[in-house]
N, C-alpha and C. Protein backbone atom coordinates (compact mmCIF):
# COMPACT_ATOMS: atom_id res chain seq x y z
N MET A 1 0.85 -1.20 0.00
CA MET A 1 0.00 0.00 0.00
C MET A 1 0.88 1.25 0.00
N SER A 2 0.55 2.19 -0.82
CA SER A 2 1.32 3.42 -0.94
C SER A 2 1.05 4.36 0.23
N THR A 3 2.08 5.08 0.62
CA THR A 3 1.89 6.08 1.66
C THR A 3 1.29 7.35 1.06
N LEU A 4 0.84 8.22 1.93
CA LEU A 4 0.34 9.53 1.52
C LEU A 4 1.39 10.26 0.68
N PHE A 5 2.65 10.15 1.11
CA PHE A 5 3.72 10.85 0.38
C PHE A 5 3.98 10.24 -0.98
N THR A 6 3.85 8.93 -1.10
CA THR A 6 4.00 8.29 -2.42
C THR A 6 2.90 8.77 -3.35
N LYS A 7 1.71 8.96 -2.82
CA LYS A 7 0.62 9.47 -3.64
C LYS A 7 0.89 10.90 -4.10
N ILE A 8 1.55 11.70 -3.26
CA ILE A 8 1.95 13.04 -3.68
C ILE A 8 3.02 12.94 -4.75
N ILE A 9 4.02 12.09 -4.54
CA ILE A 9 5.09 11.88 -5.53
C ILE A 9 4.50 11.49 -6.88
N ASN A 10 3.51 10.59 -6.86
CA ASN A 10 2.87 10.09 -8.09
C ASN A 10 1.79 11.02 -8.63
N ARG A 11 1.60 12.16 -7.98
CA ARG A 11 0.60 13.17 -8.38
C ARG A 11 -0.83 12.63 -8.31
N GLU A 12 -1.04 11.68 -7.40
CA GLU A 12 -2.39 11.16 -7.18
C GLU A 12 -3.19 12.08 -6.27
N ILE A 13 -2.51 12.84 -5.43
CA ILE A 13 -3.15 13.86 -4.61
C ILE A 13 -2.32 15.13 -4.72
N PRO A 14 -2.95 16.29 -4.60
CA PRO A 14 -2.22 17.55 -4.79
C PRO A 14 -1.36 17.92 -3.59
N ALA A 15 -0.35 18.71 -3.86
CA ALA A 15 0.51 19.28 -2.82
C ALA A 15 1.13 20.55 -3.39
N SER A 16 1.52 21.41 -2.49
CA SER A 16 2.20 22.66 -2.89
C SER A 16 3.70 22.37 -2.92
N ILE A 17 4.16 21.90 -4.08
CA ILE A 17 5.55 21.46 -4.24
C ILE A 17 6.46 22.68 -4.39
N VAL A 18 7.56 22.67 -3.60
CA VAL A 18 8.51 23.78 -3.64
C VAL A 18 9.86 23.37 -4.21
N TYR A 19 10.10 22.07 -4.35
CA TYR A 19 11.41 21.58 -4.81
C TYR A 19 11.23 20.13 -5.26
N GLU A 20 11.96 19.78 -6.34
CA GLU A 20 11.87 18.39 -6.79
C GLU A 20 13.09 18.03 -7.63
N THR A 21 13.60 16.83 -7.40
CA THR A 21 14.63 16.23 -8.24
C THR A 21 14.18 14.80 -8.55
N ASP A 22 15.04 14.02 -9.17
CA ASP A 22 14.66 12.64 -9.46
C ASP A 22 14.61 11.77 -8.21
N LYS A 23 15.21 12.22 -7.09
CA LYS A 23 15.26 11.42 -5.86
C LYS A 23 14.48 12.01 -4.68
N VAL A 24 14.13 13.30 -4.77
CA VAL A 24 13.54 14.00 -3.62
C VAL A 24 12.42 14.92 -4.08
N ILE A 25 11.43 15.06 -3.21
CA ILE A 25 10.37 16.05 -3.42
C ILE A 25 10.18 16.79 -2.10
N ALA A 26 9.86 18.07 -2.18
CA ALA A 26 9.60 18.88 -0.99
C ALA A 26 8.34 19.70 -1.23
N PHE A 27 7.52 19.80 -0.18
CA PHE A 27 6.25 20.51 -0.31
C PHE A 27 5.87 21.12 1.03
N ASN A 28 4.99 22.11 0.97
CA ASN A 28 4.50 22.77 2.18
C ASN A 28 3.65 21.81 3.00
N ASP A 29 3.86 21.85 4.32
CA ASP A 29 3.05 21.04 5.24
C ASP A 29 1.63 21.60 5.25
N ILE A 30 0.64 20.73 5.30
CA ILE A 30 -0.76 21.20 5.30
C ILE A 30 -1.20 21.74 6.66
N ASP A 31 -0.41 21.49 7.71
CA ASP A 31 -0.70 22.00 9.05
C ASP A 31 0.57 22.65 9.60
N PRO A 32 0.96 23.80 9.04
CA PRO A 32 2.25 24.38 9.40
C PRO A 32 2.37 24.76 10.87
N GLN A 33 3.54 24.48 11.44
CA GLN A 33 3.83 24.80 12.82
C GLN A 33 4.76 26.01 12.95
N ALA A 34 5.10 26.62 11.82
CA ALA A 34 5.94 27.82 11.77
C ALA A 34 5.64 28.51 10.44
N PRO A 35 6.07 29.76 10.28
CA PRO A 35 5.83 30.45 9.00
C PRO A 35 6.35 29.66 7.80
N VAL A 36 7.48 28.99 7.96
CA VAL A 36 7.97 28.07 6.94
C VAL A 36 7.91 26.68 7.54
N HIS A 37 7.19 25.78 6.90
CA HIS A 37 7.11 24.38 7.34
C HIS A 37 7.00 23.52 6.08
N ILE A 38 8.14 22.96 5.71
CA ILE A 38 8.24 22.18 4.47
C ILE A 38 8.66 20.77 4.81
N LEU A 39 8.08 19.81 4.11
CA LEU A 39 8.47 18.41 4.25
C LEU A 39 9.38 18.02 3.08
N VAL A 40 10.49 17.39 3.39
CA VAL A 40 11.43 16.91 2.39
C VAL A 40 11.38 15.39 2.43
N VAL A 41 11.04 14.78 1.29
CA VAL A 41 10.71 13.35 1.23
C VAL A 41 11.52 12.67 0.13
N PRO A 42 12.12 11.52 0.43
CA PRO A 42 12.76 10.76 -0.64
C PRO A 42 11.70 10.12 -1.53
N LYS A 43 12.00 9.98 -2.79
CA LYS A 43 11.04 9.33 -3.70
C LYS A 43 11.06 7.81 -3.57
N LYS A 44 11.93 7.30 -2.74
CA LYS A 44 11.92 5.88 -2.39
C LYS A 44 11.21 5.74 -1.05
N GLU A 45 10.32 4.78 -0.94
CA GLU A 45 9.63 4.56 0.33
C GLU A 45 10.58 3.89 1.32
N ILE A 46 10.99 4.65 2.31
CA ILE A 46 11.77 4.16 3.44
C ILE A 46 10.90 4.46 4.65
N PRO A 47 10.36 3.45 5.33
CA PRO A 47 9.37 3.72 6.37
C PRO A 47 9.85 4.61 7.52
N THR A 48 11.02 4.33 8.10
CA THR A 48 11.51 5.09 9.25
C THR A 48 13.02 5.24 9.17
N LEU A 49 13.57 6.03 10.07
CA LEU A 49 15.03 6.12 10.18
C LEU A 49 15.64 4.75 10.44
N ASN A 50 14.94 3.92 11.16
CA ASN A 50 15.44 2.57 11.48
C ASN A 50 15.59 1.69 10.25
N ASP A 51 14.95 2.07 9.17
CA ASP A 51 14.95 1.25 7.95
C ASP A 51 15.96 1.69 6.91
N ILE A 52 16.74 2.72 7.21
CA ILE A 52 17.74 3.20 6.26
C ILE A 52 18.83 2.14 6.10
N GLU A 53 19.21 1.93 4.86
CA GLU A 53 20.28 0.98 4.54
C GLU A 53 21.41 1.75 3.83
N PRO A 54 22.62 1.19 3.81
CA PRO A 54 23.73 1.89 3.14
C PRO A 54 23.41 2.31 1.70
N LYS A 55 22.65 1.51 0.99
CA LYS A 55 22.32 1.86 -0.40
C LYS A 55 21.40 3.08 -0.50
N ASP A 56 20.84 3.53 0.62
CA ASP A 56 19.96 4.70 0.62
C ASP A 56 20.72 6.01 0.78
N SER A 57 22.03 5.95 0.89
CA SER A 57 22.82 7.15 1.16
C SER A 57 22.61 8.24 0.11
N GLU A 58 22.42 7.85 -1.15
CA GLU A 58 22.22 8.87 -2.18
C GLU A 58 20.92 9.65 -1.95
N TYR A 59 19.90 9.00 -1.42
CA TYR A 59 18.65 9.69 -1.11
C TYR A 59 18.84 10.66 0.05
N LEU A 60 19.57 10.22 1.07
CA LEU A 60 19.80 11.08 2.23
C LEU A 60 20.63 12.31 1.85
N MET A 61 21.67 12.11 1.07
CA MET A 61 22.48 13.25 0.64
C MET A 61 21.66 14.22 -0.21
N GLU A 62 20.80 13.68 -1.04
CA GLU A 62 19.93 14.54 -1.87
C GLU A 62 18.94 15.31 -0.99
N MET A 63 18.47 14.68 0.09
CA MET A 63 17.56 15.37 1.01
C MET A 63 18.27 16.54 1.69
N TYR A 64 19.50 16.31 2.15
CA TYR A 64 20.25 17.39 2.79
C TYR A 64 20.59 18.50 1.80
N SER A 65 20.91 18.14 0.58
CA SER A 65 21.15 19.16 -0.45
C SER A 65 19.89 19.98 -0.70
N ALA A 66 18.74 19.31 -0.71
CA ALA A 66 17.47 20.01 -0.90
C ALA A 66 17.23 20.99 0.23
N ILE A 67 17.49 20.58 1.46
CA ILE A 67 17.30 21.46 2.61
C ILE A 67 18.17 22.71 2.46
N LYS A 68 19.40 22.52 2.09
CA LYS A 68 20.32 23.65 1.90
C LYS A 68 19.78 24.62 0.85
N GLU A 69 19.34 24.09 -0.29
CA GLU A 69 18.85 24.94 -1.37
C GLU A 69 17.53 25.62 -1.00
N ILE A 70 16.61 24.88 -0.42
CA ILE A 70 15.30 25.43 -0.05
C ILE A 70 15.45 26.55 0.96
N THR A 71 16.27 26.34 1.99
CA THR A 71 16.42 27.37 3.03
C THR A 71 17.10 28.61 2.49
N ARG A 72 18.02 28.44 1.55
CA ARG A 72 18.62 29.61 0.90
C ARG A 72 17.59 30.35 0.06
N ASP A 73 16.82 29.60 -0.75
CA ASP A 73 15.81 30.21 -1.62
C ASP A 73 14.75 30.97 -0.82
N LEU A 74 14.39 30.43 0.34
CA LEU A 74 13.36 31.07 1.18
C LEU A 74 13.94 32.10 2.13
N LYS A 75 15.25 32.30 2.04
CA LYS A 75 15.95 33.32 2.83
C LYS A 75 15.81 33.10 4.33
N ILE A 76 15.85 31.84 4.76
CA ILE A 76 15.85 31.54 6.19
C ILE A 76 17.17 30.89 6.62
N ALA A 77 18.05 30.62 5.68
CA ALA A 77 19.31 29.93 6.00
C ALA A 77 20.16 30.76 6.96
N GLU A 78 20.27 32.05 6.71
CA GLU A 78 21.14 32.89 7.52
C GLU A 78 20.64 33.07 8.95
N ASP A 79 19.34 33.31 9.11
CA ASP A 79 18.78 33.48 10.46
C ASP A 79 18.69 32.15 11.20
N GLY A 80 18.50 31.07 10.46
CA GLY A 80 18.44 29.75 11.07
C GLY A 80 17.10 29.08 10.91
N TYR A 81 17.11 27.79 11.09
CA TYR A 81 15.93 26.95 10.92
C TYR A 81 16.15 25.65 11.68
N ARG A 82 15.14 24.85 11.76
CA ARG A 82 15.22 23.56 12.45
C ARG A 82 14.83 22.46 11.47
N VAL A 83 15.52 21.34 11.55
CA VAL A 83 15.18 20.15 10.77
C VAL A 83 14.85 19.05 11.76
N ILE A 84 13.67 18.46 11.60
CA ILE A 84 13.19 17.43 12.52
C ILE A 84 12.79 16.19 11.73
N THR A 85 13.13 15.04 12.29
CA THR A 85 12.66 13.76 11.77
C THR A 85 12.06 12.99 12.92
N ASN A 86 10.84 12.57 12.79
CA ASN A 86 10.18 11.76 13.81
C ASN A 86 10.34 10.29 13.45
N CYS A 87 10.48 9.44 14.46
CA CYS A 87 10.65 8.00 14.20
C CYS A 87 9.73 7.18 15.10
N ASN A 88 8.83 6.47 14.46
CA ASN A 88 7.87 5.58 15.13
C ASN A 88 6.93 6.33 16.07
N SER A 89 6.06 5.60 16.74
CA SER A 89 4.95 6.22 17.47
C SER A 89 5.41 7.11 18.63
N HIS A 90 6.38 6.69 19.41
CA HIS A 90 6.83 7.52 20.53
C HIS A 90 7.53 8.78 20.04
N GLY A 91 8.09 8.74 18.84
CA GLY A 91 8.73 9.90 18.25
C GLY A 91 7.77 10.82 17.53
N GLY A 92 6.51 10.42 17.43
CA GLY A 92 5.49 11.27 16.81
C GLY A 92 5.34 11.08 15.31
N GLN A 93 5.90 10.00 14.75
CA GLN A 93 5.77 9.78 13.31
C GLN A 93 4.34 9.40 12.97
N GLU A 94 3.76 10.09 12.00
CA GLU A 94 2.38 9.82 11.57
C GLU A 94 2.33 9.17 10.20
N VAL A 95 3.23 9.56 9.31
CA VAL A 95 3.30 8.96 7.97
C VAL A 95 4.57 8.13 7.93
N PHE A 96 4.43 6.85 7.68
CA PHE A 96 5.58 5.95 7.71
C PHE A 96 6.27 5.89 6.35
N HIS A 97 6.81 7.04 6.01
CA HIS A 97 7.65 7.28 4.83
C HIS A 97 8.62 8.35 5.31
N LEU A 98 9.89 8.00 5.43
CA LEU A 98 10.89 8.91 5.96
C LEU A 98 10.71 10.32 5.40
N HIS A 99 10.81 11.32 6.27
CA HIS A 99 10.73 12.71 5.82
C HIS A 99 11.35 13.63 6.86
N PHE A 100 11.85 14.75 6.39
CA PHE A 100 12.40 15.79 7.25
C PHE A 100 11.46 16.98 7.22
N HIS A 101 11.23 17.56 8.38
CA HIS A 101 10.48 18.81 8.49
C HIS A 101 11.49 19.95 8.54
N ILE A 102 11.32 20.96 7.69
CA ILE A 102 12.08 22.20 7.80
C ILE A 102 11.15 23.21 8.45
N LEU A 103 11.55 23.76 9.58
CA LEU A 103 10.76 24.77 10.29
C LEU A 103 11.60 26.04 10.41
N GLY A 104 11.01 27.17 10.09
CA GLY A 104 11.74 28.44 10.20
C GLY A 104 10.85 29.62 9.94
N GLY A 105 11.50 30.76 9.80
CA GLY A 105 10.76 32.00 9.53
C GLY A 105 10.45 32.80 10.77
N LYS A 106 10.85 32.29 11.94
CA LYS A 106 10.68 32.99 13.22
C LYS A 106 11.58 32.29 14.24
N PRO A 107 11.86 32.94 15.38
CA PRO A 107 12.58 32.23 16.43
C PRO A 107 11.73 31.06 16.93
N LEU A 108 12.34 29.89 17.03
CA LEU A 108 11.57 28.67 17.34
C LEU A 108 11.57 28.27 18.80
N GLY A 109 12.44 28.82 19.59
CA GLY A 109 12.45 28.50 21.01
C GLY A 109 13.11 27.16 21.30
N ALA A 110 13.05 26.78 22.55
CA ALA A 110 13.70 25.55 23.02
C ALA A 110 12.92 24.31 22.59
N LEU A 111 13.64 23.22 22.49
CA LEU A 111 13.02 21.92 22.20
C LEU A 111 12.63 21.21 23.48
N LEU A 112 11.69 20.33 23.39
CA LEU A 112 11.32 19.45 24.49
C LEU A 112 12.47 18.47 24.71
N VAL A 113 12.99 18.40 25.91
CA VAL A 113 14.07 17.44 26.21
C VAL A 113 13.73 16.60 27.41
């Protein structure tokens, strides 16, 4: 069964896409938690951080490159931003397709520790 993100990748459901390559797609979160809230998703279905394999390194590097480019384009790189990945239920993961949240556009405050 395809994840919600795979359906976005396949254009089966709409999304506000801000960046795309052959390995990565990035789009605005539908429930933003900051002025900038973008999800960066590999086009390969990797359920969680726990499921990453060495052969997935090209997807991860492409995701980090996307984050660098997106934050520069949106002019939040210099002031700063946060990148979050949730893993499994205790980590708050809701869609089991690896993804990074980019949050920025305002001071974000302290993290829950």
